[in-house]
Amino acid sequence: LQKLVLTSSASVVFEGTDIKNGSEDLPYAKNPIDYYTETKILQEKEVLNANDPGNNFFTTAVRPHGIFGPRDPQLVPILIQAAKSGKMKFIIGDGKNLVDFTYVENVVHGHILAAENLQRGSPLCGK
């Protein structure tokens, strides 16, 4: 029995407009916003298509967004620096925008749960 849980990205379904109440059934972006997104779409398709229960190989993809946590050199320090330098004094859109940030331990927990539940007949397989 072999299992593969891919860390994908929420960007694979992002078309440049707000997504409210989105689900895992959203189609891939037809016009990816950048090369990162384009390669994530290609990667996810390859991994999910590799799902092969007949050979005991099970795959799934998890799409966290905005991962942060201890010793994070990206998200939190950049936000703190921007706030300190006065660069956070603007609003994009009407100020009601929503965005997900995911704590790294929650991402890990999600991956563990996905791996534990990847088995023949699981609705996670190939999704």
Foldseek 3Di string as FASTA:
>chain_A
DAEEEAAAAPQQQDQPDDDDPDDPPRHGHPDRPDVNNVVSNVVLLVQLVPQDQVVPYFYAYDHAYAEDEPPDPPDPVVVVVCVVVVNVPDADDPNPGDDDHHYPVVVVVVSVVLRVQGHPPGPRGSD
